[in-house]
Amino acid sequence: MHLILTGATGLVGSGVLHSMLNNASVSKVSVLSRRPVPLADGHSKANVIIHKDFSTYPSELLEQLKDADGVVWAQGISMTRVPKDEYEVLTHDYPLSFAKAISTTTSPKPFKFIYVSGEGATTKPTYFSSLFAVVKGRTEADLLALSKDPAYSNLRPFSVRPGGVDPTHHPEIQGHFNQRMGMEKFGGILLPILRATYKGMVSPTKDLGVFLTDLAMGDGAPLEGNGIEAEGRTINNVGFRRLVGL
């Protein structure tokens, strides 16, 4: 099975890459990245494609991806690190552009598009909703709407909303993901508190990586049960933890 990954040098993406590379059912991992990905070095199934502009996908790149079965879109950035308009492009426009391009390339074969959103995202924003919540939620909704367009009907989207992403018990990826900066460090400080008092808000990277990989490998059918919404295509942190047995 051929899977695609973005955001492989980030915290979530590193966990996903480790899962993909160690899954016997995954024969090839195409990593789209702006920079080299050390965690992929030396792995025969990893194909790192240096790609600078995620708003466009030339035919020679798509030719390498035409037999892919799914993607985990883990690319992202904190809303505190870039201006509002740039955050919207990175968080919303880039995944939608790729979804359209890869759908056309792989059609009519069903293609699973796994979007890494985040707990707190909402498709029903209020005046008090953060930029993160609004843009992530809009992306979730637009991916679902895109899959209902006859031109992109082979898309099988899922949006996953992790809580506090925790790499503590995932030694294989230590040193391979970008370190938190500025206000992002505050989340890292909170993790020990969450682990001790509110485990339900924690998303361990090892379990999350396996879960996202399995979604990309699956049949694309909607999910059911507690923590699942949006026609079975959005999985919040409660749903993720339930499905992996945490």
Protein backbone atom coordinates (compact mmCIF):
# COMPACT_ATOMS: atom_id res chain seq x y z
CA MET A 1 0.00 0.00 0.00
CA HIS A 2 1.28 3.43 -0.98
CA LEU A 3 0.65 6.29 1.47
CA ILE A 4 1.48 10.00 1.35
CA LEU A 5 2.47 12.19 4.29
CA THR A 6 2.92 15.91 4.82
CA GLY A 7 4.26 17.59 7.94
CA ALA A 8 6.75 14.80 8.58
CA THR A 9 9.14 17.03 10.53
CA GLY A 10 6.41 18.12 12.94
CA LEU A 11 5.30 16.48 16.17
CA VAL A 12 2.25 14.64 14.82
CA GLY A 13 3.86 13.94 11.45
CA SER A 14 6.93 12.36 13.03
CA GLY A 15 4.69 9.93 14.88
CA VAL A 16 2.81 9.12 11.69
CA LEU A 17 6.01 8.61 9.71
CA HIS A 18 7.35 6.21 12.33
CA SER A 19 4.09 4.26 12.14
CA MET A 20 4.04 4.12 8.36
CA LEU A 21 7.66 3.03 8.06
CA ASN A 22 7.11 0.22 10.55
CA ASN A 23 3.81 -1.05 9.16
CA ALA A 24 4.35 -4.20 7.11
CA SER A 25 1.28 -3.46 4.98
CA VAL A 26 2.72 -0.13 3.80
CA SER A 27 5.01 -0.71 0.85
CA LYS A 28 5.81 2.93 0.03
CA VAL A 29 5.66 6.25 1.84
CA SER A 30 5.85 9.41 -0.26
CA VAL A 31 6.75 12.34 1.98
CA LEU A 32 6.06 15.81 0.63
CA SER A 33 8.34 18.19 2.51
CA ARG A 34 10.02 21.57 2.14
CA ARG A 35 13.17 20.22 3.74
CA PRO A 36 15.01 16.90 4.26
CA VAL A 37 13.39 14.44 6.68
CA PRO A 38 16.10 12.74 8.79
CA LEU A 39 13.65 10.22 10.28
CA ALA A 40 13.16 8.81 6.77
CA ASP A 41 16.89 8.43 6.06
CA GLY A 42 17.92 4.87 5.24
CA HIS A 43 14.40 3.50 4.84
CA SER A 44 13.89 1.78 1.49
CA LYS A 45 10.13 2.41 1.46
CA ALA A 46 10.48 6.17 2.08
CA ASN A 47 10.49 8.56 -0.88
CA VAL A 48 11.07 12.14 0.29
CA ILE A 49 9.95 14.63 -2.34
CA ILE A 50 11.20 18.15 -1.72
CA HIS A 51 8.27 20.37 -2.60
CA LYS A 52 8.29 24.11 -1.91
CA ASP A 53 4.88 25.33 -3.08
CA PHE A 54 1.92 23.45 -1.59
CA SER A 55 -0.56 25.50 -3.60
CA THR A 56 0.35 23.78 -6.85
CA TYR A 57 1.27 20.24 -7.92
CA PRO A 58 3.03 19.75 -11.27
CA SER A 59 2.26 16.72 -13.39
CA GLU A 60 5.67 15.14 -12.81
CA LEU A 61 5.04 15.15 -9.04
CA LEU A 62 1.51 13.76 -9.35
CA GLU A 63 2.84 11.02 -11.63
CA GLN A 64 4.81 9.71 -8.63
CA LEU A 65 1.61 9.63 -6.55
CA LYS A 66 -0.92 8.21 -8.99
CA ASP A 67 -1.03 4.77 -7.34
CA ALA A 68 -1.34 6.13 -3.78
CA ASP A 69 -4.15 4.92 -1.52
CA GLY A 70 -4.32 7.71 1.05
CA VAL A 71 -2.67 10.71 2.66
CA VAL A 72 -2.21 11.94 6.20
CA TRP A 73 -2.12 15.73 6.01
CA ALA A 74 -0.18 16.60 9.17
CA GLN A 75 1.30 19.83 7.84
CA GLY A 76 0.48 22.80 10.02
CA ILE A 77 1.71 25.73 12.05
CA SER A 78 0.64 27.55 15.19
CA MET A 79 -1.60 30.56 14.59
CA THR A 80 0.77 32.52 16.87
CA ARG A 81 3.70 32.18 14.46
CA VAL A 82 2.32 33.67 11.24
CA PRO A 83 -0.07 36.45 10.17
CA LYS A 84 -3.79 35.63 9.85
CA ASP A 85 -3.84 35.49 6.04
CA GLU A 86 -0.80 33.21 5.92
CA TYR A 87 -2.31 30.93 8.56
CA GLU A 88 -5.46 30.57 6.47
CA VAL A 89 -3.45 29.68 3.37
CA LEU A 90 -1.35 27.08 5.21
CA THR A 91 -4.22 25.57 7.17
CA HIS A 92 -7.06 25.70 4.66
CA ASP A 93 -5.93 26.44 1.11
CA TYR A 94 -2.99 24.03 0.95
CA PRO A 95 -4.89 20.86 1.95
CA LEU A 96 -7.83 21.77 -0.30
CA SER A 97 -5.49 22.31 -3.25
CA PHE A 98 -3.87 18.94 -2.72
CA ALA A 99 -7.19 17.18 -2.20
CA LYS A 100 -8.38 18.37 -5.61
CA ALA A 101 -5.12 17.46 -7.34
CA ILE A 102 -4.76 14.00 -5.81
CA SER A 103 -8.43 13.16 -6.32
CA THR A 104 -8.14 13.84 -10.03
CA THR A 105 -4.87 11.90 -10.22
CA THR A 106 -6.12 8.76 -8.45
CA SER A 107 -9.73 8.71 -9.69
CA PRO A 108 -11.80 6.56 -9.81
CA LYS A 109 -10.03 4.61 -7.05
CA PRO A 110 -11.24 5.65 -3.57
CA PHE A 111 -8.67 7.87 -1.88
CA LYS A 112 -8.55 8.50 1.87
CA PHE A 113 -7.69 12.05 2.90
CA ILE A 114 -6.86 12.24 6.62
CA TYR A 115 -6.73 15.82 7.82
CA VAL A 116 -5.07 16.50 11.18
CA SER A 117 -7.27 19.14 12.77
CA GLY A 118 -7.35 19.73 16.52
CA GLU A 119 -9.56 19.64 19.59
CA GLY A 120 -11.47 22.91 19.74
CA ALA A 121 -12.01 23.19 15.99
CA THR A 122 -15.61 24.02 15.14
CA THR A 123 -17.80 24.16 12.06
CA LYS A 124 -20.19 26.45 13.99
CA PRO A 125 -17.98 29.31 15.13
CA THR A 126 -19.13 32.11 17.40
CA TYR A 127 -17.78 35.59 18.01
CA PHE A 128 -15.50 34.12 20.66
CA SER A 129 -14.04 31.31 18.51
CA SER A 130 -10.28 31.50 17.94
CA LEU A 131 -8.71 31.75 14.51
CA PHE A 132 -7.46 28.17 14.94
CA ALA A 133 -10.97 26.89 15.70
CA VAL A 134 -12.56 28.74 12.79
CA VAL A 135 -10.03 27.90 10.08
CA LYS A 136 -9.59 24.26 11.10
CA GLY A 137 -13.36 23.84 11.23
CA ARG A 138 -13.81 25.46 7.84
CA THR A 139 -11.22 23.13 6.36
CA GLU A 140 -13.00 20.11 7.82
CA ALA A 141 -16.30 21.26 6.32
CA ASP A 142 -14.81 22.10 2.94
CA LEU A 143 -13.08 18.72 2.62
CA LEU A 144 -16.37 16.98 3.37
CA ALA A 145 -18.20 19.18 0.86
CA LEU A 146 -15.52 18.53 -1.75
CA SER A 147 -16.07 14.78 -1.48
CA LYS A 148 -19.72 15.34 -2.44
CA ASP A 149 -18.76 17.17 -5.63
CA PRO A 150 -19.06 14.68 -8.53
CA ALA A 151 -15.67 15.84 -9.82
CA TYR A 152 -13.97 14.63 -6.61
CA SER A 153 -16.29 11.83 -5.52
CA ASN A 154 -13.48 9.34 -4.95
CA LEU A 155 -12.32 11.31 -1.90
CA ARG A 156 -12.95 9.71 1.49
CA PRO A 157 -12.11 12.49 3.98
CA PHE A 158 -11.61 12.19 7.73
CA SER A 159 -10.73 15.02 10.09
CA VAL A 160 -9.07 14.03 13.35
CA ARG A 161 -8.99 16.39 16.33
CA PRO A 162 -6.14 15.46 18.70
CA GLY A 163 -5.94 17.02 22.14
CA GLY A 164 -2.63 17.59 23.89
CA VAL A 165 -0.18 15.78 21.61
CA ASP A 166 2.26 13.93 23.85
CA PRO A 167 5.54 12.34 22.60
CA THR A 168 6.74 11.36 26.09
CA HIS A 169 6.50 7.60 25.53
CA HIS A 170 7.65 7.63 21.92
CA PRO A 171 11.45 7.52 22.07
CA GLU A 172 11.82 6.62 18.39
CA ILE A 173 10.85 10.14 17.29
CA GLN A 174 12.72 12.15 19.92
CA GLY A 175 14.99 14.68 18.24
CA HIS A 176 13.20 14.35 14.91
CA PHE A 177 10.41 16.91 15.24
CA ASN A 178 10.49 20.70 15.35
CA GLN A 179 10.61 21.99 18.91
CA ARG A 180 7.86 24.23 20.24
CA MET A 181 8.61 27.95 20.21
CA GLY A 182 7.23 30.96 22.07
CA MET A 183 3.67 30.48 23.29
CA GLU A 184 3.67 26.92 21.91
CA LYS A 185 5.94 25.90 24.79
CA PHE A 186 3.04 26.55 27.15
CA GLY A 187 1.27 23.49 25.75
CA GLY A 188 4.29 21.36 26.52
CA ILE A 189 4.30 22.64 30.09
CA LEU A 190 0.64 21.64 30.46
CA LEU A 191 1.14 18.06 29.27
CA PRO A 192 2.36 16.62 32.61
CA ILE A 193 -0.66 18.23 34.30
CA LEU A 194 -3.03 16.76 31.70
CA ARG A 195 -1.47 13.31 32.02
CA ALA A 196 -1.96 13.40 35.77
CA THR A 197 -5.41 15.00 35.99
CA TYR A 198 -7.20 14.76 32.65
CA LYS A 199 -5.88 11.88 30.53
CA GLY A 200 -8.89 12.16 28.24
CA MET A 201 -7.39 15.30 26.70
CA VAL A 202 -4.03 13.68 25.88
CA SER A 203 -3.12 12.23 22.48
CA PRO A 204 0.04 10.07 22.68
CA THR A 205 2.00 10.33 19.43
CA LYS A 206 2.60 6.59 19.13
CA ASP A 207 -1.11 5.74 19.32
CA LEU A 208 -2.07 8.73 17.21
CA GLY A 209 0.43 7.82 14.49
CA VAL A 210 -0.93 4.28 14.26
CA PHE A 211 -4.52 5.53 14.24
CA LEU A 212 -3.93 8.02 11.43
CA THR A 213 -2.02 5.44 9.41
CA ASP A 214 -4.81 2.90 9.83
CA LEU A 215 -7.40 5.45 8.67
CA ALA A 216 -5.37 6.12 5.53
CA MET A 217 -5.11 2.37 4.91
CA GLY A 218 -8.77 1.61 5.63
CA ASP A 219 -11.81 1.33 3.40
CA GLY A 220 -12.89 4.94 3.95
CA ALA A 221 -16.30 4.03 5.38
CA PRO A 222 -17.80 6.48 7.90
CA LEU A 223 -17.16 5.76 11.58
CA GLU A 224 -19.72 5.54 14.37
CA GLY A 225 -19.99 5.94 18.12
CA ASN A 226 -19.12 8.38 20.85
CA GLY A 227 -16.72 11.11 19.73
CA ILE A 228 -17.67 10.85 16.05
CA GLU A 229 -19.55 13.57 14.17
CA ALA A 230 -20.03 15.18 10.74
CA GLU A 231 -21.53 12.14 9.02
CA GLY A 232 -18.95 9.84 10.59
CA ARG A 233 -16.01 11.81 9.21
CA THR A 234 -14.78 13.90 12.13
CA ILE A 235 -13.15 12.16 15.08
CA ASN A 236 -12.56 14.18 18.21
CA ASN A 237 -10.06 13.25 20.90
CA VAL A 238 -12.64 11.25 22.88
CA GLY A 239 -13.42 9.24 19.76
CA PHE A 240 -9.76 8.67 18.95
CA ARG A 241 -8.98 7.45 22.47
CA ARG A 242 -12.02 5.17 22.47
CA LEU A 243 -11.13 3.63 19.11
CA VAL A 244 -7.51 2.90 20.10
CA GLY A 245 -8.46 1.60 23.52
CA LEU A 246 -7.01 4.33 25.74
